[in-house]
Amino acid sequence: MVTMQDVAERAGVTKQTVSNVVTGRVAVRPATEARVRAAIDELGYVPNLVARSLATGSSRTVGLFVPTVSVPFYADVVEEVEDALEERGHRLLLCTTRLDGERARRHLAALASRSVDALLIAGDQDLTGHLPLLADARFPVVLCAWEAALPAGFPVVTVDYEHGGHLAGRHLRALGHERALVLASPAHTVRAAGFRRAFREDGVELPDDAVRTATEPTFRGGFDAALDALRDRPDTTAVFATHDVLAVAAVEAARSLGRTVPDDLSVVAHDDTPAGLLSGTALTSVTLPKRAMARQAVDLALAPAAPGTAVSRLLLPTLTPGESTAPVS
């Protein structure tokens, strides 16, 4: 096995100089660094990361929890976190919960004792009850994309999801809509509440049965829920879907009933991910600053606030107009 000493002898430098080049902790003259890196390439030297982490107290690795990478929102978060970490000389250790509470618990328990420099947790599904496992973690833990009640003791970078629902509601109210439905995932009660608040501000109270929850946050679940809702309330002129996939399902359910979007029914989506393109119509959507959120979470993880300092950053979404909404006829 090629050692650091072998590289030093080939490059004509000290072993410490090679270490400085590999770790990046101390600046090395460009010409010297070039000789060292050439020797590393020639000899095929691979740094011993375990030994390095023991010597420096840093593994240069950050863990990231997401529910899934099959959803474009979380895929974008993973990519942005990885890019931000790479720029800082860190690597990503990715774990997915697959919406399985027991799987989430096992991963968290394993990471709590693992040598990582920090841990990011994106999304609150199946994780809130397991956070006590991290109470004694020896590394910073940062939450992001958190929609449930914020737990005490953890820094958080998230989006104002209630404001996102409110933006959707104000948009439809500006177009004159009064008879609206909310097609929601079970976890999106905050978005639905923001939407209803926007209507309430104009004296329009949406009844409880105007909020329809899909049995599962999939196209099939959304289609069935939208179809039932539109049949029950045929005078509906607008739908707010709390996720892009549900919005696509609402568009297809309307078409199956002979209704067109946006002439007969306006549809507003939430998240503004590529999934919305499947509708064949450019969806009006609440757009989330997910990449900015991911980068700010990395910043907090690698430069944590002083112990005992509460840190909470709430980023604002925007509304991106599309072709799926129109004035009420």
C-alpha atoms as a PDB file:
ATOM      1  CA  MET A   1       0.000   0.000   0.000  1.00  0.00           C
ATOM      2  CA  VAL A   2       1.324   3.424  -0.957  1.00  0.00           C
ATOM      3  CA  THR A   3       1.939   5.608   2.088  1.00  0.00           C
ATOM      4  CA  MET A   4       2.139   9.338   2.665  1.00  0.00           C
ATOM      5  CA  GLN A   5       5.906   8.920   3.167  1.00  0.00           C
ATOM      6  CA  ASP A   6       6.188   7.357  -0.317  1.00  0.00           C
ATOM      7  CA  VAL A   7       4.472  10.419  -1.794  1.00  0.00           C
ATOM      8  CA  ALA A   8       6.769  12.753   0.167  1.00  0.00           C
ATOM      9  CA  GLU A   9       9.886  11.000  -1.140  1.00  0.00           C
ATOM     10  CA  ARG A  10       8.630  11.031  -4.746  1.00  0.00           C
ATOM     11  CA  ALA A  11       7.753  14.755  -4.567  1.00  0.00           C
ATOM     12  CA  GLY A  12      10.906  15.692  -2.664  1.00  0.00           C
ATOM     13  CA  VAL A  13       9.027  17.236   0.262  1.00  0.00           C
ATOM     14  CA  THR A  14       8.307  16.415   3.875  1.00  0.00           C
ATOM     15  CA  LYS A  15       5.531  14.135   5.017  1.00  0.00           C
ATOM     16  CA  GLN A  16       3.920  17.146   6.723  1.00  0.00           C
ATOM     17  CA  THR A  17       3.779  19.009   3.412  1.00  0.00           C
ATOM     18  CA  VAL A  18       1.927  16.088   1.840  1.00  0.00           C
ATOM     19  CA  SER A  19      -0.476  16.124   4.790  1.00  0.00           C
ATOM     20  CA  ASN A  20      -1.064  19.855   4.310  1.00  0.00           C
ATOM     21  CA  VAL A  21      -1.909  19.315   0.644  1.00  0.00           C
ATOM     22  CA  VAL A  22      -4.249  16.397   1.374  1.00  0.00           C
ATOM     23  CA  THR A  23      -6.107  18.061   4.261  1.00  0.00           C
ATOM     24  CA  GLY A  24      -6.052  21.627   2.937  1.00  0.00           C
ATOM     25  CA  ARG A  25      -5.501  22.919   6.487  1.00  0.00           C
ATOM     26  CA  VAL A  26      -2.283  24.807   5.666  1.00  0.00           C
ATOM     27  CA  ALA A  27      -1.564  26.680   2.443  1.00  0.00           C
ATOM     28  CA  VAL A  28       1.210  25.252   0.278  1.00  0.00           C
ATOM     29  CA  ARG A  29       3.035  27.062  -2.517  1.00  0.00           C
ATOM     30  CA  PRO A  30       1.353  26.293  -5.889  1.00  0.00           C
ATOM     31  CA  ALA A  31       4.506  24.761  -7.397  1.00  0.00           C
ATOM     32  CA  THR A  32       5.014  22.509  -4.382  1.00  0.00           C
ATOM     33  CA  GLU A  33       1.354  21.490  -4.317  1.00  0.00           C
ATOM     34  CA  ALA A  34       1.555  20.629  -8.014  1.00  0.00           C
ATOM     35  CA  ARG A  35       4.543  18.295  -7.363  1.00  0.00           C
ATOM     36  CA  VAL A  36       2.727  16.616  -4.489  1.00  0.00           C
ATOM     37  CA  ARG A  37      -0.458  16.083  -6.472  1.00  0.00           C
ATOM     38  CA  ALA A  38       1.543  14.722  -9.407  1.00  0.00           C
ATOM     39  CA  ALA A  39       3.226  12.235  -7.044  1.00  0.00           C
ATOM     40  CA  ILE A  40      -0.169  11.240  -5.619  1.00  0.00           C
ATOM     41  CA  ASP A  41      -1.454  10.554  -9.140  1.00  0.00           C
ATOM     42  CA  GLU A  42       1.676   8.648 -10.197  1.00  0.00           C
ATOM     43  CA  LEU A  43       1.694   6.417  -7.134  1.00  0.00           C
ATOM     44  CA  GLY A  44      -2.071   6.016  -6.840  1.00  0.00           C
ATOM     45  CA  TYR A  45      -2.037   7.186  -3.222  1.00  0.00           C
ATOM     46  CA  VAL A  46      -5.403   7.060  -1.420  1.00  0.00           C
ATOM     47  CA  PRO A  47      -5.591   8.978   1.888  1.00  0.00           C
ATOM     48  CA  ASN A  48      -6.632   6.954   4.935  1.00  0.00           C
ATOM     49  CA  LEU A  49      -9.818   8.813   5.818  1.00  0.00           C
ATOM     50  CA  VAL A  50     -10.267   7.005   9.118  1.00  0.00           C
ATOM     51  CA  ALA A  51      -6.783   7.927  10.299  1.00  0.00           C
ATOM     52  CA  ARG A  52      -7.224  11.467   9.081  1.00  0.00           C
ATOM     53  CA  SER A  53     -10.509  11.879  10.951  1.00  0.00           C
ATOM     54  CA  LEU A  54      -8.885  10.613  14.158  1.00  0.00           C
ATOM     55  CA  ALA A  55      -5.984  13.010  13.747  1.00  0.00           C
ATOM     56  CA  THR A  56      -7.995  16.082  12.828  1.00  0.00           C
ATOM     57  CA  GLY A  57     -11.211  15.412  14.762  1.00  0.00           C
ATOM     58  CA  SER A  58     -13.133  15.850  11.502  1.00  0.00           C
ATOM     59  CA  SER A  59     -14.453  13.262   9.058  1.00  0.00           C
ATOM     60  CA  ARG A  60     -15.254  15.916   6.420  1.00  0.00           C
ATOM     61  CA  THR A  61     -18.579  14.096   6.066  1.00  0.00           C
ATOM     62  CA  VAL A  62     -22.087  15.463   6.657  1.00  0.00           C
ATOM     63  CA  GLY A  63     -25.174  13.259   6.914  1.00  0.00           C
ATOM     64  CA  LEU A  64     -28.468  14.131   5.232  1.00  0.00           C
ATOM     65  CA  PHE A  65     -31.866  12.601   5.952  1.00  0.00           C
ATOM     66  CA  VAL A  66     -34.683  12.853   3.399  1.00  0.00           C
ATOM     67  CA  PRO A  67     -37.949  10.903   3.152  1.00  0.00           C
ATOM     68  CA  THR A  68     -37.253   9.902  -0.450  1.00  0.00           C
ATOM     69  CA  VAL A  69     -35.327  10.928  -3.562  1.00  0.00           C
ATOM     70  CA  SER A  70     -38.185   9.937  -5.855  1.00  0.00           C
ATOM     71  CA  VAL A  71     -39.899  13.286  -5.181  1.00  0.00           C
ATOM     72  CA  PRO A  72     -38.327  16.125  -7.226  1.00  0.00           C
ATOM     73  CA  PHE A  73     -38.430  18.525  -4.259  1.00  0.00           C
ATOM     74  CA  TYR A  74     -36.150  16.322  -2.154  1.00  0.00           C
ATOM     75  CA  ALA A  75     -33.988  15.423  -5.144  1.00  0.00           C
ATOM     76  CA  ASP A  76     -33.254  19.146  -5.618  1.00  0.00           C
ATOM     77  CA  VAL A  77     -32.456  19.518  -1.906  1.00  0.00           C
ATOM     78  CA  VAL A  78     -30.016  16.578  -2.059  1.00  0.00           C
ATOM     79  CA  GLU A  79     -28.237  17.994  -5.117  1.00  0.00           C
ATOM     80  CA  GLU A  80     -27.892  21.462  -3.606  1.00  0.00           C
ATOM     81  CA  VAL A  81     -26.633  20.130  -0.270  1.00  0.00           C
ATOM     82  CA  GLU A  82     -24.085  17.973  -2.071  1.00  0.00           C
ATOM     83  CA  ASP A  83     -22.875  20.919  -4.183  1.00  0.00           C
ATOM     84  CA  ALA A  84     -22.605  23.192  -1.139  1.00  0.00           C
ATOM     85  CA  LEU A  85     -20.677  20.547   0.815  1.00  0.00           C
ATOM     86  CA  GLU A  86     -18.314  19.818  -2.065  1.00  0.00           C
ATOM     87  CA  GLU A  87     -17.467  23.515  -2.323  1.00  0.00           C
ATOM     88  CA  ARG A  88     -16.409  23.341   1.333  1.00  0.00           C
ATOM     89  CA  GLY A  89     -14.407  20.144   0.989  1.00  0.00           C
ATOM     90  CA  HIS A  90     -17.005  17.872   2.603  1.00  0.00           C
ATOM     91  CA  ARG A  91     -18.736  14.706   1.423  1.00  0.00           C
ATOM     92  CA  LEU A  92     -22.376  13.715   1.704  1.00  0.00           C
ATOM     93  CA  LEU A  93     -23.725  10.667   3.531  1.00  0.00           C
ATOM     94  CA  LEU A  94     -27.331  10.215   2.388  1.00  0.00           C
ATOM     95  CA  CYS A  95     -30.066   8.305   4.225  1.00  0.00           C
ATOM     96  CA  THR A  96     -33.695   7.897   3.132  1.00  0.00           C
ATOM     97  CA  THR A  97     -36.533   7.020   5.497  1.00  0.00           C
ATOM     98  CA  ARG A  98     -38.879   5.772   2.714  1.00  0.00           C
ATOM     99  CA  LEU A  99     -41.717   7.090   4.932  1.00  0.00           C
ATOM    100  CA  ASP A 100     -40.982   4.212   7.315  1.00  0.00           C
ATOM    101  CA  GLY A 101     -40.820   5.285  10.959  1.00  0.00           C
ATOM    102  CA  GLU A 102     -38.833   2.251  12.100  1.00  0.00           C
ATOM    103  CA  ARG A 103     -36.306   2.667   9.287  1.00  0.00           C
ATOM    104  CA  ALA A 104     -35.939   6.326  10.296  1.00  0.00           C
ATOM    105  CA  ARG A 105     -35.324   5.339  13.914  1.00  0.00           C
ATOM    106  CA  ARG A 106     -32.641   2.808  12.971  1.00  0.00           C
ATOM    107  CA  HIS A 107     -30.796   5.289  10.760  1.00  0.00           C
ATOM    108  CA  LEU A 108     -30.927   8.046  13.356  1.00  0.00           C
ATOM    109  CA  ALA A 109     -29.691   5.731  16.090  1.00  0.00           C
ATOM    110  CA  ALA A 110     -26.783   4.626  13.887  1.00  0.00           C
ATOM    111  CA  LEU A 111     -25.846   8.168  12.886  1.00  0.00           C
ATOM    112  CA  ALA A 112     -25.995   9.437  16.458  1.00  0.00           C
ATOM    113  CA  SER A 113     -22.847   7.426  17.196  1.00  0.00           C
ATOM    114  CA  ARG A 114     -21.194   7.789  13.777  1.00  0.00           C
ATOM    115  CA  SER A 115     -18.248  10.029  12.999  1.00  0.00           C
ATOM    116  CA  VAL A 116     -19.897  12.773  10.963  1.00  0.00           C
ATOM    117  CA  ASP A 117     -19.247  16.487  11.263  1.00  0.00           C
ATOM    118  CA  ALA A 118     -22.931  17.432  11.147  1.00  0.00           C
ATOM    119  CA  LEU A 119     -26.383  16.096  10.298  1.00  0.00           C
ATOM    120  CA  LEU A 120     -29.108  17.701   8.195  1.00  0.00           C
ATOM    121  CA  ILE A 121     -32.689  16.436   8.404  1.00  0.00           C
ATOM    122  CA  ALA A 122     -34.945  17.512   5.534  1.00  0.00           C
ATOM    123  CA  GLY A 123     -38.660  16.883   5.998  1.00  0.00           C
ATOM    124  CA  ASP A 124     -40.462  16.009   9.205  1.00  0.00           C
ATOM    125  CA  GLN A 125     -42.350  12.891   8.129  1.00  0.00           C
ATOM    126  CA  ASP A 126     -41.750   9.944  10.478  1.00  0.00           C
ATOM    127  CA  LEU A 127     -38.936  11.769  12.268  1.00  0.00           C
ATOM    128  CA  THR A 128     -40.344  14.140  14.876  1.00  0.00           C
ATOM    129  CA  GLY A 129     -40.808  11.470  17.530  1.00  0.00           C
ATOM    130  CA  HIS A 130     -37.290  10.131  17.037  1.00  0.00           C
ATOM    131  CA  LEU A 131     -35.359  13.379  17.489  1.00  0.00           C
ATOM    132  CA  PRO A 132     -34.602  12.607  21.176  1.00  0.00           C
ATOM    133  CA  LEU A 133     -32.156  10.003  19.835  1.00  0.00           C
ATOM    134  CA  LEU A 134     -29.977  12.964  18.826  1.00  0.00           C
ATOM    135  CA  ALA A 135     -30.100  14.731  22.172  1.00  0.00           C
ATOM    136  CA  ASP A 136     -26.547  13.621  23.008  1.00  0.00           C
ATOM    137  CA  ALA A 137     -25.136  13.807  19.480  1.00  0.00           C
ATOM    138  CA  ARG A 138     -21.584  15.165  19.393  1.00  0.00           C
ATOM    139  CA  PHE A 139     -22.176  17.083  16.167  1.00  0.00           C
ATOM    140  CA  PRO A 140     -24.528  19.891  15.032  1.00  0.00           C
ATOM    141  CA  VAL A 141     -28.005  18.848  13.873  1.00  0.00           C
ATOM    142  CA  VAL A 142     -29.956  21.193  11.579  1.00  0.00           C
ATOM    143  CA  LEU A 143     -33.562  20.722  10.455  1.00  0.00           C
ATOM    144  CA  CYS A 144     -34.868  21.989   7.123  1.00  0.00           C
ATOM    145  CA  ALA A 145     -38.100  21.793   5.079  1.00  0.00           C
ATOM    146  CA  TRP A 146     -39.861  21.362   8.431  1.00  0.00           C
ATOM    147  CA  GLU A 147     -43.641  21.753   8.199  1.00  0.00           C
ATOM    148  CA  ALA A 148     -44.771  20.313  11.528  1.00  0.00           C
ATOM    149  CA  ALA A 149     -44.470  22.180  14.834  1.00  0.00           C
ATOM    150  CA  LEU A 150     -40.837  23.125  15.300  1.00  0.00           C
ATOM    151  CA  PRO A 151     -39.116  21.094  18.037  1.00  0.00           C
ATOM    152  CA  ALA A 152     -37.152  22.989  20.652  1.00  0.00           C
ATOM    153  CA  GLY A 153     -33.390  22.826  20.766  1.00  0.00           C
ATOM    154  CA  PHE A 154     -32.627  22.431  17.057  1.00  0.00           C
ATOM    155  CA  PRO A 155     -31.691  25.124  14.519  1.00  0.00           C
ATOM    156  CA  VAL A 156     -34.194  25.172  11.649  1.00  0.00           C
ATOM    157  CA  VAL A 157     -34.191  26.524   8.098  1.00  0.00           C
ATOM    158  CA  THR A 158     -37.605  26.074   6.534  1.00  0.00           C
ATOM    159  CA  VAL A 159     -40.258  27.642   4.334  1.00  0.00           C
ATOM    160  CA  ASP A 160     -43.346  29.544   5.458  1.00  0.00           C
ATOM    161  CA  TYR A 161     -45.786  26.934   4.163  1.00  0.00           C
ATOM    162  CA  GLU A 162     -48.801  28.754   5.612  1.00  0.00           C
ATOM    163  CA  HIS A 163     -47.819  31.780   3.550  1.00  0.00           C
ATOM    164  CA  GLY A 164     -47.600  29.531   0.479  1.00  0.00           C
ATOM    165  CA  GLY A 165     -51.218  28.453   0.907  1.00  0.00           C
ATOM    166  CA  HIS A 166     -52.185  32.071   1.509  1.00  0.00           C
ATOM    167  CA  LEU A 167     -50.517  33.142  -1.767  1.00  0.00           C
ATOM    168  CA  ALA A 168     -52.545  30.526  -3.639  1.00  0.00           C
ATOM    169  CA  GLY A 169     -55.754  31.728  -2.008  1.00  0.00           C
ATOM    170  CA  ARG A 170     -55.102  35.417  -2.685  1.00  0.00           C
ATOM    171  CA  HIS A 171     -54.352  34.625  -6.320  1.00  0.00           C
ATOM    172  CA  LEU A 172     -57.682  32.853  -6.780  1.00  0.00           C
ATOM    173  CA  ARG A 173     -59.573  35.531  -4.869  1.00  0.00           C
ATOM    174  CA  ALA A 174     -58.075  38.179  -7.178  1.00  0.00           C
ATOM    175  CA  LEU A 175     -59.537  36.201 -10.076  1.00  0.00           C
ATOM    176  CA  GLY A 176     -62.975  36.277  -8.441  1.00  0.00           C
ATOM    177  CA  HIS A 177     -63.202  32.662  -7.265  1.00  0.00           C
ATOM    178  CA  GLU A 178     -65.409  31.920  -4.260  1.00  0.00           C
ATOM    179  CA  ARG A 179     -66.248  28.211  -4.619  1.00  0.00           C
ATOM    180  CA  ALA A 180     -62.910  26.497  -4.135  1.00  0.00           C
ATOM    181  CA  LEU A 181     -61.598  23.133  -3.010  1.00  0.00           C
ATOM    182  CA  VAL A 182     -58.336  22.157  -1.340  1.00  0.00           C
ATOM    183  CA  LEU A 183     -56.808  18.855  -2.413  1.00  0.00           C
ATOM    184  CA  ALA A 184     -54.282  18.064   0.310  1.00  0.00           C
ATOM    185  CA  SER A 185     -51.793  15.476   1.468  1.00  0.00           C
ATOM    186  CA  PRO A 186     -52.297  14.412   5.102  1.00  0.00           C
ATOM    187  CA  ALA A 187     -49.169  16.315   6.176  1.00  0.00           C
ATOM    188  CA  HIS A 188     -50.154  19.598   4.536  1.00  0.00           C
ATOM    189  CA  THR A 189     -52.661  21.019   7.007  1.00  0.00           C
ATOM    190  CA  VAL A 190     -50.652  24.247   7.342  1.00  0.00           C
ATOM    191  CA  ARG A 191     -50.864  24.946   3.600  1.00  0.00           C
ATOM    192  CA  ALA A 192     -54.620  24.349   3.653  1.00  0.00           C
ATOM    193  CA  ALA A 193     -55.002  26.688   6.630  1.00  0.00           C
ATOM    194  CA  GLY A 194     -53.188  29.488   4.800  1.00  0.00           C
ATOM    195  CA  PHE A 195     -55.443  29.025   1.795  1.00  0.00           C
ATOM    196  CA  ARG A 196     -58.611  29.211   3.862  1.00  0.00           C
ATOM    197  CA  ARG A 197     -57.305  32.313   5.643  1.00  0.00           C
ATOM    198  CA  ALA A 198     -56.929  34.091   2.297  1.00  0.00           C
ATOM    199  CA  PHE A 199     -60.617  33.490   1.523  1.00  0.00           C
ATOM    200  CA  ARG A 200     -61.688  34.377   5.062  1.00  0.00           C
ATOM    201  CA  GLU A 201     -60.021  37.777   4.715  1.00  0.00           C
ATOM    202  CA  ASP A 202     -62.607  38.581   2.035  1.00  0.00           C
ATOM    203  CA  GLY A 203     -65.503  37.230   4.081  1.00  0.00           C
ATOM    204  CA  VAL A 204     -65.646  33.922   2.223  1.00  0.00           C
ATOM    205  CA  GLU A 205     -65.613  31.001   4.656  1.00  0.00           C
ATOM    206  CA  LEU A 206     -64.696  27.715   3.033  1.00  0.00           C
ATOM    207  CA  PRO A 207     -66.483  24.844   4.810  1.00  0.00           C
ATOM    208  CA  ASP A 208     -64.540  21.965   6.302  1.00  0.00           C
ATOM    209  CA  ASP A 209     -65.667  19.595   3.566  1.00  0.00           C
ATOM    210  CA  ALA A 210     -64.016  21.884   1.013  1.00  0.00           C
ATOM    211  CA  VAL A 211     -60.712  20.377   2.173  1.00  0.00           C
ATOM    212  CA  ARG A 212     -60.282  16.889   0.728  1.00  0.00           C
ATOM    213  CA  THR A 213     -57.375  14.735   1.870  1.00  0.00           C
ATOM    214  CA  ALA A 214     -55.895  12.236  -0.544  1.00  0.00           C
ATOM    215  CA  THR A 215     -55.468   8.804   1.037  1.00  0.00           C
ATOM    216  CA  GLU A 216     -51.887   8.863  -0.233  1.00  0.00           C
ATOM    217  CA  PRO A 217     -49.801  11.654  -1.832  1.00  0.00           C
ATOM    218  CA  THR A 218     -49.717   9.994  -5.249  1.00  0.00           C
ATOM    219  CA  PHE A 219     -51.393  10.574  -8.591  1.00  0.00           C
ATOM    220  CA  ARG A 220     -53.856   7.745  -7.932  1.00  0.00           C
ATOM    221  CA  GLY A 221     -54.725   9.026  -4.486  1.00  0.00           C
ATOM    222  CA  GLY A 222     -55.106  12.573  -5.747  1.00  0.00           C
ATOM    223  CA  PHE A 223     -57.182  11.560  -8.759  1.00  0.00           C
ATOM    224  CA  ASP A 224     -59.672   9.598  -6.664  1.00  0.00           C
ATOM    225  CA  ALA A 225     -60.011  12.382  -4.095  1.00  0.00           C
ATOM    226  CA  ALA A 226     -60.392  15.088  -6.750  1.00  0.00           C
ATOM    227  CA  LEU A 227     -62.952  13.061  -8.692  1.00  0.00           C
ATOM    228  CA  ASP A 228     -65.094  12.514  -5.586  1.00  0.00           C
ATOM    229  CA  ALA A 229     -64.815  16.165  -4.575  1.00  0.00           C
ATOM    230  CA  LEU A 230     -65.739  17.558  -7.979  1.00  0.00           C
ATOM    231  CA  ARG A 231     -68.713  15.216  -8.184  1.00  0.00           C
ATOM    232  CA  ASP A 232     -69.857  16.218  -4.700  1.00  0.00           C
ATOM    233  CA  ARG A 233     -69.382  19.926  -5.398  1.00  0.00           C
ATOM    234  CA  PRO A 234     -70.022  20.447  -9.128  1.00  0.00           C
ATOM    235  CA  ASP A 235     -70.184  24.233  -8.690  1.00  0.00           C
ATOM    236  CA  THR A 236     -66.480  24.345  -7.756  1.00  0.00           C
ATOM    237  CA  THR A 237     -64.537  26.839  -9.883  1.00  0.00           C
ATOM    238  CA  ALA A 238     -61.035  26.416  -8.429  1.00  0.00           C
ATOM    239  CA  VAL A 239     -58.787  23.834  -6.764  1.00  0.00           C
ATOM    240  CA  PHE A 240     -55.669  24.384  -4.687  1.00  0.00           C
ATOM    241  CA  ALA A 241     -53.509  21.256  -4.619  1.00  0.00           C
ATOM    242  CA  THR A 242     -50.885  21.181  -1.876  1.00  0.00           C
ATOM    243  CA  HIS A 243     -48.428  19.251  -4.046  1.00  0.00           C
ATOM    244  CA  ASP A 244     -47.679  19.225  -7.793  1.00  0.00           C
ATOM    245  CA  VAL A 245     -48.602  15.553  -8.235  1.00  0.00           C
ATOM    246  CA  LEU A 246     -52.001  16.241  -6.671  1.00  0.00           C
ATOM    247  CA  ALA A 247     -52.445  19.217  -9.009  1.00  0.00           C
ATOM    248  CA  VAL A 248     -51.785  17.027 -12.041  1.00  0.00           C
ATOM    249  CA  ALA A 249     -54.313  14.542 -10.650  1.00  0.00           C
ATOM    250  CA  ALA A 250     -56.890  17.320 -10.219  1.00  0.00           C
ATOM    251  CA  VAL A 251     -56.416  18.419 -13.835  1.00  0.00           C
ATOM    252  CA  GLU A 252     -56.938  14.877 -15.080  1.00  0.00           C
ATOM    253  CA  ALA A 253     -59.975  14.343 -12.840  1.00  0.00           C
ATOM    254  CA  ALA A 254     -61.543  17.529 -14.214  1.00  0.00           C
ATOM    255  CA  ARG A 255     -60.898  16.409 -17.789  1.00  0.00           C
ATOM    256  CA  SER A 256     -62.477  13.018 -17.082  1.00  0.00           C
ATOM    257  CA  LEU A 257     -65.646  14.909 -16.078  1.00  0.00           C
ATOM    258  CA  GLY A 258     -65.607  16.937 -19.269  1.00  0.00           C
ATOM    259  CA  ARG A 259     -64.268  20.099 -17.667  1.00  0.00           C
ATOM    260  CA  THR A 260     -61.370  22.103 -19.095  1.00  0.00           C
ATOM    261  CA  VAL A 261     -58.551  23.892 -17.270  1.00  0.00           C
ATOM    262  CA  PRO A 262     -58.591  26.844 -16.830  1.00  0.00           C
ATOM    263  CA  ASP A 263     -61.865  27.705 -18.611  1.00  0.00           C
ATOM    264  CA  ASP A 264     -64.084  25.550 -16.378  1.00  0.00           C
ATOM    265  CA  LEU A 265     -61.737  25.041 -13.453  1.00  0.00           C
ATOM    266  CA  SER A 266     -58.666  26.911 -12.209  1.00  0.00           C
ATOM    267  CA  VAL A 267     -55.933  24.855 -10.550  1.00  0.00           C
ATOM    268  CA  VAL A 268     -53.085  26.132  -8.367  1.00  0.00           C
ATOM    269  CA  ALA A 269     -50.228  23.782  -7.459  1.00  0.00           C
ATOM    270  CA  HIS A 270     -47.643  23.911  -4.692  1.00  0.00           C
ATOM    271  CA  ASP A 271     -43.875  23.208  -4.915  1.00  0.00           C
ATOM    272  CA  ASP A 272     -43.305  24.050  -8.621  1.00  0.00           C
ATOM    273  CA  THR A 273     -41.333  20.909  -9.449  1.00  0.00           C
ATOM    274  CA  PRO A 274     -40.955  19.131 -12.826  1.00  0.00           C
ATOM    275  CA  ALA A 275     -43.811  16.821 -11.795  1.00  0.00           C
ATOM    276  CA  GLY A 276     -46.182  19.667 -12.659  1.00  0.00           C
ATOM    277  CA  LEU A 277     -45.210  19.395 -16.335  1.00  0.00           C
ATOM    278  CA  LEU A 278     -47.040  16.069 -16.558  1.00  0.00           C
ATOM    279  CA  SER A 279     -50.372  17.885 -16.681  1.00  0.00           C
ATOM    280  CA  GLY A 280     -49.653  19.170 -20.192  1.00  0.00           C
ATOM    281  CA  THR A 281     -50.570  22.648 -18.903  1.00  0.00           C
ATOM    282  CA  ALA A 282     -48.127  25.111 -17.371  1.00  0.00           C
ATOM    283  CA  LEU A 283     -49.402  25.129 -13.804  1.00  0.00           C
ATOM    284  CA  THR A 284     -49.777  28.226 -11.693  1.00  0.00           C
ATOM    285  CA  SER A 285     -47.755  27.193  -8.656  1.00  0.00           C
ATOM    286  CA  VAL A 286     -46.371  28.274  -5.315  1.00  0.00           C
ATOM    287  CA  THR A 287     -42.596  28.172  -5.783  1.00  0.00           C
ATOM    288  CA  LEU A 288     -40.394  27.194  -2.845  1.00  0.00           C
ATOM    289  CA  PRO A 289     -36.816  28.503  -2.347  1.00  0.00           C
ATOM    290  CA  LYS A 290     -35.612  24.951  -1.801  1.00  0.00           C
ATOM    291  CA  ARG A 291     -32.066  25.426  -3.051  1.00  0.00           C
ATOM    292  CA  ALA A 292     -31.552  28.555  -0.939  1.00  0.00           C
ATOM    293  CA  MET A 293     -32.957  26.645   2.024  1.00  0.00           C
ATOM    294  CA  ALA A 294     -30.540  23.760   1.440  1.00  0.00           C
ATOM    295  CA  ARG A 295     -27.528  26.082   1.268  1.00  0.00           C
ATOM    296  CA  GLN A 296     -28.499  27.972   4.404  1.00  0.00           C
ATOM    297  CA  ALA A 297     -28.927  24.684   6.249  1.00  0.00           C
ATOM    298  CA  VAL A 298     -25.397  23.664   5.209  1.00  0.00           C
ATOM    299  CA  ASP A 299     -24.088  27.034   6.405  1.00  0.00           C
ATOM    300  CA  LEU A 300     -25.661  26.490   9.834  1.00  0.00           C
ATOM    301  CA  ALA A 301     -24.385  22.918  10.045  1.00  0.00           C
ATOM    302  CA  LEU A 302     -20.770  23.817   9.285  1.00  0.00           C
ATOM    303  CA  ALA A 303     -20.740  27.085  11.231  1.00  0.00           C
ATOM    304  CA  PRO A 304     -23.169  26.397  14.074  1.00  0.00           C
ATOM    305  CA  ALA A 305     -24.379  29.087  16.439  1.00  0.00           C
ATOM    306  CA  ALA A 306     -23.132  29.190  20.002  1.00  0.00           C
ATOM    307  CA  PRO A 307     -24.639  26.507  22.272  1.00  0.00           C
ATOM    308  CA  GLY A 308     -28.010  27.521  23.651  1.00  0.00           C
ATOM    309  CA  THR A 309     -28.628  30.002  20.839  1.00  0.00           C
ATOM    310  CA  ALA A 310     -31.968  29.416  19.117  1.00  0.00           C
ATOM    311  CA  VAL A 311     -31.728  29.768  15.335  1.00  0.00           C
ATOM    312  CA  SER A 312     -34.791  29.681  13.101  1.00  0.00           C
ATOM    313  CA  ARG A 313     -34.866  30.941   9.518  1.00  0.00           C
ATOM    314  CA  LEU A 314     -38.193  31.149   7.712  1.00  0.00           C
ATOM    315  CA  LEU A 315     -37.915  31.638   3.946  1.00  0.00           C
ATOM    316  CA  LEU A 316     -40.809  33.017   1.923  1.00  0.00           C
ATOM    317  CA  PRO A 317     -42.241  31.236  -1.126  1.00  0.00           C
ATOM    318  CA  THR A 318     -43.480  33.090  -4.198  1.00  0.00           C
ATOM    319  CA  LEU A 319     -46.294  32.448  -6.665  1.00  0.00           C
ATOM    320  CA  THR A 320     -45.424  31.704 -10.288  1.00  0.00           C
ATOM    321  CA  PRO A 321     -48.384  32.362 -12.634  1.00  0.00           C
ATOM    322  CA  GLY A 322     -49.039  29.750 -15.312  1.00  0.00           C
ATOM    323  CA  GLU A 323     -51.777  28.703 -17.689  1.00  0.00           C
ATOM    324  CA  SER A 324     -53.923  26.772 -15.221  1.00  0.00           C
ATOM    325  CA  THR A 325     -55.782  29.707 -13.672  1.00  0.00           C
ATOM    326  CA  ALA A 326     -58.175  32.267 -15.126  1.00  0.00           C
ATOM    327  CA  PRO A 327     -60.851  34.713 -13.942  1.00  0.00           C
ATOM    328  CA  VAL A 328     -64.051  33.031 -12.825  1.00  0.00           C
ATOM    329  CA  SER A 329     -66.590  32.977 -15.628  1.00  0.00           C
END
